[in-house]
N, C-alpha and C. Protein backbone atom coordinates (compact mmCIF):
# COMPACT_ATOMS: atom_id res chain seq x y z
N MET A 1 -45.49 -4.28 -108.89
CA MET A 1 -44.27 -3.48 -108.08
C MET A 1 -45.22 -2.50 -107.67
N ALA A 2 -45.04 -2.18 -106.38
CA ALA A 2 -45.83 -0.75 -105.79
C ALA A 2 -45.20 0.31 -106.36
N VAL A 3 -46.31 1.46 -106.57
CA VAL A 3 -46.42 2.51 -107.12
C VAL A 3 -46.15 3.65 -106.10
N THR A 4 -45.34 4.78 -106.03
CA THR A 4 -45.53 5.72 -105.18
C THR A 4 -45.72 7.17 -105.98
N LEU A 5 -46.78 7.95 -105.65
CA LEU A 5 -47.25 8.99 -106.22
C LEU A 5 -47.29 9.96 -105.34
N PRO A 6 -47.00 11.43 -105.67
CA PRO A 6 -47.46 12.46 -105.00
C PRO A 6 -49.20 12.61 -104.93
N THR A 7 -49.59 13.53 -104.17
CA THR A 7 -51.05 13.75 -104.01
C THR A 7 -51.46 14.53 -105.20
N THR A 8 -50.70 15.31 -105.61
CA THR A 8 -51.21 16.22 -106.87
C THR A 8 -51.38 15.00 -108.14
N GLU A 9 -50.52 14.07 -108.19
CA GLU A 9 -50.64 13.31 -109.53
C GLU A 9 -51.55 12.30 -109.25
N VAL A 10 -52.08 11.63 -107.88
CA VAL A 10 -53.23 11.07 -107.63
C VAL A 10 -54.28 11.61 -107.87
N ARG A 11 -54.62 12.95 -107.57
CA ARG A 11 -55.94 14.02 -107.98
C ARG A 11 -56.10 13.84 -109.50
N HIS A 12 -54.83 13.95 -110.42
CA HIS A 12 -55.20 13.98 -111.74
C HIS A 12 -55.37 12.65 -112.46
N ARG A 13 -54.86 11.61 -111.64
CA ARG A 13 -55.00 10.36 -112.30
C ARG A 13 -55.77 9.32 -111.67
N LEU A 14 -56.58 9.92 -110.78
CA LEU A 14 -57.37 8.68 -109.93
C LEU A 14 -58.03 7.76 -110.86
N GLY A 15 -58.49 7.90 -112.07
CA GLY A 15 -59.33 7.07 -112.52
C GLY A 15 -58.53 5.81 -113.22
N ALA A 16 -57.27 6.25 -113.38
CA ALA A 16 -56.34 5.07 -113.80
C ALA A 16 -55.59 4.54 -112.69
N ILE A 17 -55.64 5.19 -111.86
CA ILE A 17 -54.79 4.43 -110.49
C ILE A 17 -55.87 3.67 -109.85
N LEU A 18 -57.37 3.86 -109.97
CA LEU A 18 -58.35 2.67 -109.50
C LEU A 18 -58.09 1.55 -110.62
N ASP A 19 -58.14 1.90 -111.56
CA ASP A 19 -58.22 0.76 -112.75
C ASP A 19 -56.92 -0.26 -112.51
N ARG A 20 -55.65 0.28 -112.16
CA ARG A 20 -54.61 -0.38 -111.79
C ARG A 20 -54.58 -1.26 -110.51
N LEU A 21 -55.52 -0.53 -109.50
CA LEU A 21 -55.34 -1.15 -108.46
C LEU A 21 -56.54 -2.54 -108.47
N LYS A 22 -57.39 -2.30 -109.43
CA LYS A 22 -58.66 -3.21 -109.72
C LYS A 22 -57.98 -4.41 -110.40
N SER A 23 -57.01 -4.09 -111.34
CA SER A 23 -56.44 -5.26 -112.00
C SER A 23 -55.03 -5.95 -111.53
N GLY A 24 -54.58 -5.30 -110.55
CA GLY A 24 -53.31 -5.92 -109.87
C GLY A 24 -53.49 -5.91 -108.38
N HIS A 25 -52.52 -6.25 -107.52
CA HIS A 25 -52.50 -6.70 -106.30
C HIS A 25 -51.71 -5.88 -105.42
N GLN A 26 -50.95 -4.82 -106.29
CA GLN A 26 -49.75 -3.75 -105.62
C GLN A 26 -50.63 -2.53 -104.85
N PRO A 27 -50.21 -2.11 -104.15
CA PRO A 27 -50.62 -0.77 -103.38
C PRO A 27 -50.13 0.29 -104.11
N VAL A 28 -50.70 1.67 -103.94
CA VAL A 28 -50.12 2.78 -104.34
C VAL A 28 -49.74 3.74 -103.09
N PHE A 29 -48.64 3.94 -102.82
CA PHE A 29 -48.45 4.84 -101.94
C PHE A 29 -48.41 6.27 -102.26
N ILE A 30 -49.13 6.98 -101.32
CA ILE A 30 -49.20 8.46 -101.72
C ILE A 30 -48.51 9.12 -100.64
N THR A 31 -47.79 10.28 -101.24
CA THR A 31 -46.80 11.07 -100.58
C THR A 31 -47.25 12.69 -100.67
N ARG A 32 -46.81 13.28 -99.43
CA ARG A 32 -47.15 14.83 -99.52
C ARG A 32 -46.02 15.22 -98.95
N HIS A 33 -45.17 16.37 -99.87
CA HIS A 33 -43.95 16.80 -99.29
C HIS A 33 -42.80 15.84 -98.85
N GLY A 34 -42.94 14.77 -99.88
CA GLY A 34 -41.79 13.82 -99.90
C GLY A 34 -42.03 12.64 -98.78
N GLU A 35 -43.02 12.91 -97.87
CA GLU A 35 -43.17 11.55 -96.90
C GLU A 35 -44.35 10.93 -97.26
N THR A 36 -44.41 9.46 -96.94
CA THR A 36 -45.44 8.69 -97.31
C THR A 36 -46.79 9.01 -96.31
N GLU A 37 -47.77 9.56 -96.82
CA GLU A 37 -49.03 9.73 -96.01
C GLU A 37 -50.05 8.84 -95.80
N ALA A 38 -50.31 7.84 -96.77
CA ALA A 38 -51.38 7.21 -97.23
C ALA A 38 -51.07 5.85 -97.97
N VAL A 39 -51.75 4.83 -98.14
CA VAL A 39 -51.53 3.82 -98.93
C VAL A 39 -52.79 3.55 -99.49
N LEU A 40 -53.07 3.22 -101.03
CA LEU A 40 -54.38 3.03 -101.48
C LEU A 40 -54.36 1.32 -102.01
N LEU A 41 -55.34 0.68 -101.60
CA LEU A 41 -55.52 -0.69 -101.66
C LEU A 41 -56.93 -1.05 -102.55
N SER A 42 -56.89 -1.96 -103.53
CA SER A 42 -58.22 -2.33 -103.86
C SER A 42 -58.82 -2.94 -102.78
N ALA A 43 -60.37 -2.90 -103.27
CA ALA A 43 -61.50 -3.29 -101.99
C ALA A 43 -61.11 -4.95 -101.88
N THR A 44 -60.53 -5.57 -102.89
CA THR A 44 -60.27 -7.18 -102.84
C THR A 44 -58.99 -7.16 -101.62
N GLU A 45 -58.14 -6.31 -101.66
CA GLU A 45 -56.97 -6.43 -100.96
C GLU A 45 -57.10 -6.26 -99.48
N TYR A 46 -58.15 -4.82 -99.54
CA TYR A 46 -58.32 -4.72 -98.17
C TYR A 46 -59.50 -5.83 -97.49
N ALA A 47 -60.01 -6.32 -98.23
CA ALA A 47 -61.09 -7.55 -97.62
C ALA A 47 -60.11 -8.57 -97.31
N LEU A 48 -59.01 -8.95 -97.91
CA LEU A 48 -58.38 -10.10 -97.52
C LEU A 48 -57.33 -9.69 -96.26
N LEU A 49 -57.19 -8.58 -95.99
CA LEU A 49 -56.32 -7.98 -94.92
C LEU A 49 -57.02 -7.87 -93.59
N THR A 50 -58.48 -7.47 -93.75
CA THR A 50 -59.25 -7.38 -92.67
C THR A 50 -60.26 -8.69 -92.20
N ARG A 51 -60.20 -9.75 -93.24
CA ARG A 51 -61.21 -10.75 -93.05
C ARG A 51 -60.88 -11.54 -91.53
N HIS A 52 -59.70 -11.46 -91.05
CA HIS A 52 -59.70 -12.38 -89.64
C HIS A 52 -59.80 -11.02 -88.39
N LEU A 53 -60.31 -9.82 -88.76
CA LEU A 53 -60.56 -8.94 -87.78
C LEU A 53 -62.05 -9.05 -87.08
N PRO A 54 -62.32 -9.19 -85.76
CA PRO A 54 -63.82 -9.35 -85.43
C PRO A 54 -64.64 -8.00 -85.98
N LYS A 55 -65.82 -8.39 -85.88
CA LYS A 55 -66.63 -7.40 -86.43
C LYS A 55 -67.20 -6.70 -85.25
N ALA A 56 -67.30 -5.21 -85.40
CA ALA A 56 -67.91 -4.60 -84.38
C ALA A 56 -69.29 -4.44 -84.31
N ALA A 57 -70.08 -4.61 -83.11
CA ALA A 57 -71.57 -4.67 -82.78
C ALA A 57 -71.68 -3.26 -83.05
N ALA A 58 -73.12 -2.76 -83.41
CA ALA A 58 -73.71 -1.57 -83.39
C ALA A 58 -73.39 -0.71 -82.21
N THR A 59 -73.50 -1.53 -80.73
CA THR A 59 -73.04 -0.67 -79.52
C THR A 59 -71.95 -0.53 -79.61
N ASP A 60 -70.73 -1.04 -80.09
CA ASP A 60 -69.37 -0.87 -80.07
C ASP A 60 -69.25 0.33 -80.95
N TRP A 61 -69.78 0.61 -81.95
CA TRP A 61 -69.83 1.80 -82.78
C TRP A 61 -70.35 3.18 -82.09
N TYR A 62 -71.31 2.90 -81.38
CA TYR A 62 -72.12 3.90 -80.62
C TYR A 62 -70.86 4.44 -79.58
N GLU A 63 -70.16 3.51 -78.94
CA GLU A 63 -69.44 3.93 -77.91
C GLU A 63 -67.98 4.67 -78.34
N ILE A 64 -67.67 4.09 -79.46
CA ILE A 64 -66.42 4.64 -80.39
C ILE A 64 -66.80 5.98 -80.80
N SER A 65 -68.07 6.11 -81.26
CA SER A 65 -68.51 7.78 -81.85
C SER A 65 -68.62 8.59 -80.81
N GLN A 66 -69.29 7.82 -79.50
CA GLN A 66 -69.22 9.02 -78.46
C GLN A 66 -67.84 9.28 -77.74
N ALA A 67 -67.18 8.28 -77.72
CA ALA A 67 -65.67 8.68 -77.03
C ALA A 67 -65.01 9.60 -78.14
N SER A 68 -65.16 9.60 -79.51
CA SER A 68 -64.80 10.23 -80.33
C SER A 68 -65.19 11.78 -80.17
N LEU A 69 -66.13 11.97 -80.12
CA LEU A 69 -66.92 13.37 -80.33
C LEU A 69 -66.78 14.05 -78.92
N ALA A 70 -66.64 13.09 -77.69
CA ALA A 70 -66.32 13.77 -76.64
C ALA A 70 -64.67 14.27 -76.38
N GLN A 71 -63.96 13.58 -77.29
CA GLN A 71 -62.41 14.22 -77.20
C GLN A 71 -62.39 15.39 -78.28
N VAL A 72 -63.29 15.38 -79.06
CA VAL A 72 -63.39 16.73 -79.92
C VAL A 72 -63.81 17.60 -79.19
N TRP A 73 -64.99 17.70 -78.45
CA TRP A 73 -65.32 18.56 -77.61
C TRP A 73 -64.85 18.73 -76.37
N GLU A 74 -63.69 18.06 -76.05
CA GLU A 74 -63.06 18.10 -74.91
C GLU A 74 -63.93 17.85 -73.49
N HIS A 75 -64.63 16.86 -73.44
CA HIS A 75 -65.54 16.21 -72.55
C HIS A 75 -65.46 14.78 -72.65
N PRO A 76 -64.35 14.11 -71.98
CA PRO A 76 -63.82 12.93 -72.24
C PRO A 76 -64.85 12.04 -71.55
N ASP A 77 -65.29 12.28 -70.18
CA ASP A 77 -66.03 11.62 -69.22
C ASP A 77 -67.69 11.70 -69.57
N GLU A 78 -68.06 12.38 -70.48
CA GLU A 78 -69.50 12.72 -70.68
C GLU A 78 -70.12 12.16 -72.00
N ASP A 79 -71.33 11.71 -71.93
CA ASP A 79 -71.87 11.49 -73.22
C ASP A 79 -72.38 12.78 -73.65
N VAL A 80 -72.37 12.52 -75.11
CA VAL A 80 -72.34 13.72 -76.05
C VAL A 80 -73.86 13.79 -76.48
N TYR A 81 -74.56 15.08 -76.47
CA TYR A 81 -75.98 15.32 -76.68
C TYR A 81 -75.95 16.37 -78.09
N THR A 82 -77.20 16.21 -78.47
CA THR A 82 -77.67 17.21 -79.68
C THR A 82 -77.82 18.40 -79.08
N TRP A 83 -77.84 19.51 -80.10
CA TRP A 83 -78.02 20.96 -79.53
C TRP A 83 -79.33 21.05 -79.38
N GLN A 84 -80.14 20.57 -80.31
CA GLN A 84 -81.64 21.22 -80.10
C GLN A 84 -82.38 20.65 -78.86
N ASP A 85 -82.01 19.22 -78.62
CA ASP A 85 -83.26 18.85 -77.66
C ASP A 85 -82.27 18.05 -76.26
N GLY A 86 -81.13 18.21 -76.31
CA GLY A 86 -80.69 17.82 -75.05
C GLY A 86 -80.52 15.96 -74.92
N GLU A 87 -81.20 15.58 -75.84
CA GLU A 87 -81.14 14.03 -75.83
C GLU A 87 -79.58 13.34 -76.21
N GLN A 88 -79.62 12.33 -75.69
CA GLN A 88 -78.31 11.91 -76.05
C GLN A 88 -78.15 11.31 -77.62
N LEU A 89 -77.18 11.20 -78.12
CA LEU A 89 -76.99 10.78 -79.52
C LEU A 89 -77.12 9.54 -79.62
């Protein structure tokens, strides 16, 4: 059976929660202010859920990181450069 815990309890009982995830196949739902914010899964369960997803190539990760940084820095159509040398990251 799935368990739902508030963030404060997760902080205090993380070791026991990880043991539970490792031994069982049920997720742990984490709430904050009464709203579900996240779900913890064992590494095995996560691998099962993602086994059919395509693997991203290094170039894909570069493009994803550039797009993310550009959005953060509010330059969506530009490459992101380092502060020191002006070289592309």
